[in-house]
Amino acid sequence: MAAIPHHLTRRAVLAGALAAPFAGRAWAVPGWTREAYMEAMRKSGRPTDLTEAQFQAIQARKPAAMQRIETYLKERLGAADPAVLRAFQEVPREYFHYNYPEHHSQSGVAYEDDPKPWALGYGSALSDYLGQAYMTQVCKPQPGDTTLEIGTGSGFQSSLLSRIVQHSYSIEIIEPLCQAVGRSAMTT
């Protein structure tokens, strides 16, 4: 299988659902280029036609999105957890913006000014990044923790958590989504 940034190390099928541990701590910001993105997408079997200009536009929007996340957490929770902010900085959200049944990348809209959920297909969505930041901080993940997410969706939330906790697991019951996201998350 293809190598991907968040290093999903294995998968197991349990009661018709994908149980996937997200265990690596790869995908540091340096080295994340359009070429790296295109290679990860190619290996995952997800076609995309993102241009260099579009990729750079995504990267240019990310600092403002990071500031929105920090402000949002401070206003609602009194502080922004540095581990949560670091996870959002390190995990490239654009990799997870994909509509699976339509075989269409939506990466060009990552880090939008007005955060909203994005359809993944099969009735599932990639939650808006402010909501994901809030959920991540509220669960108070710690380095020695093990987390279990029910409903893998795109895998973004488990990838975030994998940057903070020791072991992050996720279960997806929607079989076509499970199979598609599983392919995008496997390593050799």
Protein backbone atom coordinates (compact mmCIF):
# COMPACT_ATOMS: atom_id res chain seq x y z
CA MET A 1 0.00 0.00 0.00
CA ALA A 2 1.00 3.65 -0.37
CA ALA A 3 2.95 5.59 2.21
CA ILE A 4 1.05 8.56 3.57
CA PRO A 5 1.97 11.30 6.01
CA HIS A 6 0.10 10.24 9.14
CA HIS A 7 1.45 6.68 8.96
CA LEU A 8 -1.53 4.50 9.56
CA THR A 9 0.34 1.38 10.59
CA ARG A 10 -2.32 -1.29 10.15
CA ARG A 11 -6.04 -1.86 9.85
CA ALA A 12 -8.41 -4.51 11.10
CA VAL A 13 -12.01 -5.17 10.19
CA LEU A 14 -14.19 -5.45 13.28
CA ALA A 15 -17.93 -6.06 13.00
CA GLY A 16 -17.96 -4.53 9.52
CA ALA A 17 -16.07 -1.42 10.60
CA LEU A 18 -12.54 -0.22 10.03
CA ALA A 19 -10.52 0.04 13.22
CA ALA A 20 -7.40 1.94 12.29
CA PRO A 21 -4.60 3.03 14.59
CA PHE A 22 -3.06 6.33 13.57
CA ALA A 23 0.34 5.94 15.20
CA GLY A 24 3.04 7.99 13.50
CA ARG A 25 4.20 11.51 14.06
CA ALA A 26 5.23 12.35 10.49
CA TRP A 27 4.16 15.26 8.27
CA ALA A 28 6.14 18.04 9.75
CA VAL A 29 5.51 21.29 7.92
CA PRO A 30 8.94 21.34 6.21
CA GLY A 31 8.86 19.17 3.13
CA TRP A 32 5.12 19.49 2.53
CA THR A 33 5.18 20.68 -1.04
CA ARG A 34 2.83 20.37 -3.97
CA GLU A 35 4.98 17.46 -5.18
CA ALA A 36 4.65 15.71 -1.79
CA TYR A 37 0.90 16.34 -1.82
CA MET A 38 0.50 15.05 -5.39
CA GLU A 39 2.56 11.93 -4.61
CA ALA A 40 0.52 11.19 -1.47
CA MET A 41 -2.71 11.63 -3.43
CA ARG A 42 -1.44 9.43 -6.28
CA LYS A 43 -0.41 6.66 -3.88
CA SER A 44 -3.79 6.87 -2.17
CA GLY A 45 -5.59 6.37 -5.49
CA ARG A 46 -7.34 9.74 -5.24
CA PRO A 47 -7.04 11.78 -8.44
CA THR A 48 -6.38 15.49 -8.17
CA ASP A 49 -5.33 18.28 -10.52
CA LEU A 50 -4.18 20.89 -8.01
CA THR A 51 -1.88 23.44 -9.62
CA GLU A 52 1.16 24.97 -7.94
CA ALA A 53 -0.69 28.29 -7.69
CA GLN A 54 -3.67 26.60 -6.00
CA PHE A 55 -1.36 24.74 -3.61
CA GLN A 56 0.41 27.99 -2.69
CA ALA A 57 -2.96 29.72 -2.17
CA ILE A 58 -3.91 26.99 0.32
CA GLN A 59 -0.62 27.41 2.17
CA ALA A 60 -1.08 31.20 2.20
CA ARG A 61 -4.53 30.82 3.88
CA LYS A 62 -3.28 28.49 6.60
CA PRO A 63 -1.72 31.15 8.92
CA ALA A 64 -5.01 33.07 9.07
CA ALA A 65 -6.88 29.83 9.77
CA MET A 66 -4.42 29.02 12.55
CA GLN A 67 -5.04 32.46 14.05
CA ARG A 68 -8.83 31.88 13.83
CA ILE A 69 -8.39 28.55 15.63
CA GLU A 70 -6.30 30.11 18.40
CA THR A 71 -8.73 33.01 18.88
CA TYR A 72 -11.75 30.68 18.82
CA LEU A 73 -10.26 28.42 21.51
CA LYS A 74 -9.21 31.35 23.70
CA GLU A 75 -12.68 32.95 23.47
CA ARG A 76 -14.54 29.76 24.27
CA LEU A 77 -12.15 27.87 26.54
CA GLY A 78 -9.96 30.60 28.03
CA ALA A 79 -6.78 29.32 26.36
CA ALA A 80 -5.59 27.49 23.28
CA ASP A 81 -3.77 24.24 24.04
CA PRO A 82 -0.34 24.44 22.37
CA ALA A 83 -0.49 20.71 21.53
CA VAL A 84 -3.78 21.22 19.68
CA LEU A 85 -2.37 24.18 17.77
CA ARG A 86 0.76 22.21 16.89
CA ALA A 87 -1.33 19.30 15.61
CA PHE A 88 -3.34 21.64 13.38
CA GLN A 89 -0.12 23.20 12.12
CA GLU A 90 1.46 19.85 11.30
CA VAL A 91 -1.45 17.97 9.68
CA PRO A 92 -2.23 19.31 6.19
CA ARG A 93 -6.00 19.57 6.07
CA GLU A 94 -6.00 19.81 2.27
CA TYR A 95 -5.07 16.11 2.06
CA PHE A 96 -8.41 15.23 3.70
CA HIS A 97 -10.68 17.43 1.54
CA TYR A 98 -11.97 14.76 -0.84
CA ASN A 99 -15.39 13.67 -2.09
CA TYR A 100 -15.03 9.91 -2.43
CA PRO A 101 -18.05 8.85 -4.53
CA GLU A 102 -17.39 11.68 -6.99
CA HIS A 103 -13.61 11.00 -7.05
CA HIS A 104 -13.06 14.72 -6.66
CA SER A 105 -10.49 16.57 -4.57
CA GLN A 106 -11.79 19.60 -2.71
CA SER A 107 -8.36 20.57 -1.40
CA GLY A 108 -8.51 24.01 -3.01
CA VAL A 109 -11.00 25.15 -0.37
CA ALA A 110 -8.97 24.08 2.68
CA TYR A 111 -8.57 26.75 5.37
CA GLU A 112 -11.52 28.76 4.07
CA ASP A 113 -12.28 32.10 5.74
CA ASP A 114 -15.76 30.93 6.74
CA PRO A 115 -15.20 27.43 8.19
CA LYS A 116 -17.90 24.91 7.34
CA PRO A 117 -18.29 21.14 6.96
CA TRP A 118 -17.36 19.59 3.59
CA ALA A 119 -19.10 16.57 2.08
CA LEU A 120 -17.03 13.41 1.81
CA GLY A 121 -19.88 11.44 0.32
CA TYR A 122 -21.92 8.56 1.72
CA GLY A 123 -23.59 10.97 4.15
CA SER A 124 -20.31 11.80 5.88
CA ALA A 125 -18.56 15.15 6.20
CA LEU A 126 -15.23 16.66 7.14
CA SER A 127 -16.21 18.89 10.08
CA ASP A 128 -15.29 22.56 10.03
CA TYR A 129 -11.84 23.19 11.45
CA LEU A 130 -13.02 25.42 14.31
CA GLY A 131 -15.37 22.71 15.54
CA GLN A 132 -12.62 20.12 15.24
CA ALA A 133 -10.22 22.30 17.21
CA TYR A 134 -12.86 22.77 19.92
CA MET A 135 -13.62 19.03 20.10
CA THR A 136 -9.93 18.18 20.20
CA GLN A 137 -9.16 20.57 23.04
CA VAL A 138 -12.27 19.70 25.07
CA CYS A 139 -11.31 16.01 25.14
CA LYS A 140 -7.98 17.11 26.73
CA PRO A 141 -5.72 14.63 24.92
CA GLN A 142 -2.43 13.86 26.66
CA PRO A 143 0.77 12.23 25.35
CA GLY A 144 0.18 8.91 27.15
CA ASP A 145 -3.50 8.62 26.16
CA THR A 146 -5.21 6.24 23.78
CA THR A 147 -8.19 7.63 21.87
CA LEU A 148 -11.03 5.98 19.96
CA GLU A 149 -13.04 7.93 17.42
CA ILE A 150 -16.37 6.50 16.35
CA GLY A 151 -16.88 7.56 12.74
CA THR A 152 -13.57 7.96 10.93
CA GLY A 153 -14.91 10.26 8.24
CA SER A 154 -11.90 11.59 6.36
CA GLY A 155 -9.40 10.50 9.04
CA PHE A 156 -8.44 14.11 9.80
CA GLN A 157 -9.51 14.04 13.46
CA SER A 158 -7.63 10.82 14.15
CA SER A 159 -4.60 12.27 12.40
CA LEU A 160 -4.77 15.34 14.65
CA LEU A 161 -5.06 13.20 17.75
CA SER A 162 -2.17 10.99 16.61
CA ARG A 163 0.07 14.05 16.91
CA ILE A 164 -0.82 14.41 20.59
CA VAL A 165 -1.63 10.98 22.08
CA GLN A 166 0.28 7.71 22.19
CA HIS A 167 -2.33 5.72 20.21
CA SER A 168 -5.27 6.99 18.17
CA TYR A 169 -7.89 4.55 16.84
CA SER A 170 -10.89 5.17 14.66
CA ILE A 171 -13.84 3.03 13.57
CA GLU A 172 -15.90 3.65 10.42
CA ILE A 173 -19.03 1.61 9.71
CA ILE A 174 -19.90 3.05 6.27
CA GLU A 175 -18.18 0.40 4.17
CA PRO A 176 -17.45 2.35 0.95
CA LEU A 177 -16.05 5.26 2.98
CA CYS A 178 -14.13 2.82 5.19
CA GLN A 179 -12.52 1.22 2.15
CA ALA A 180 -11.71 4.52 0.41
CA VAL A 181 -10.27 6.25 3.47
CA GLY A 182 -8.45 3.05 4.43
CA ARG A 183 -6.67 3.08 1.06
CA SER A 184 -5.67 6.71 1.54
CA ALA A 185 -4.33 5.96 5.00
CA MET A 186 -2.29 2.77 4.54
CA THR A 187 1.49 2.53 4.50
CA THR A 188 3.71 -0.19 3.13
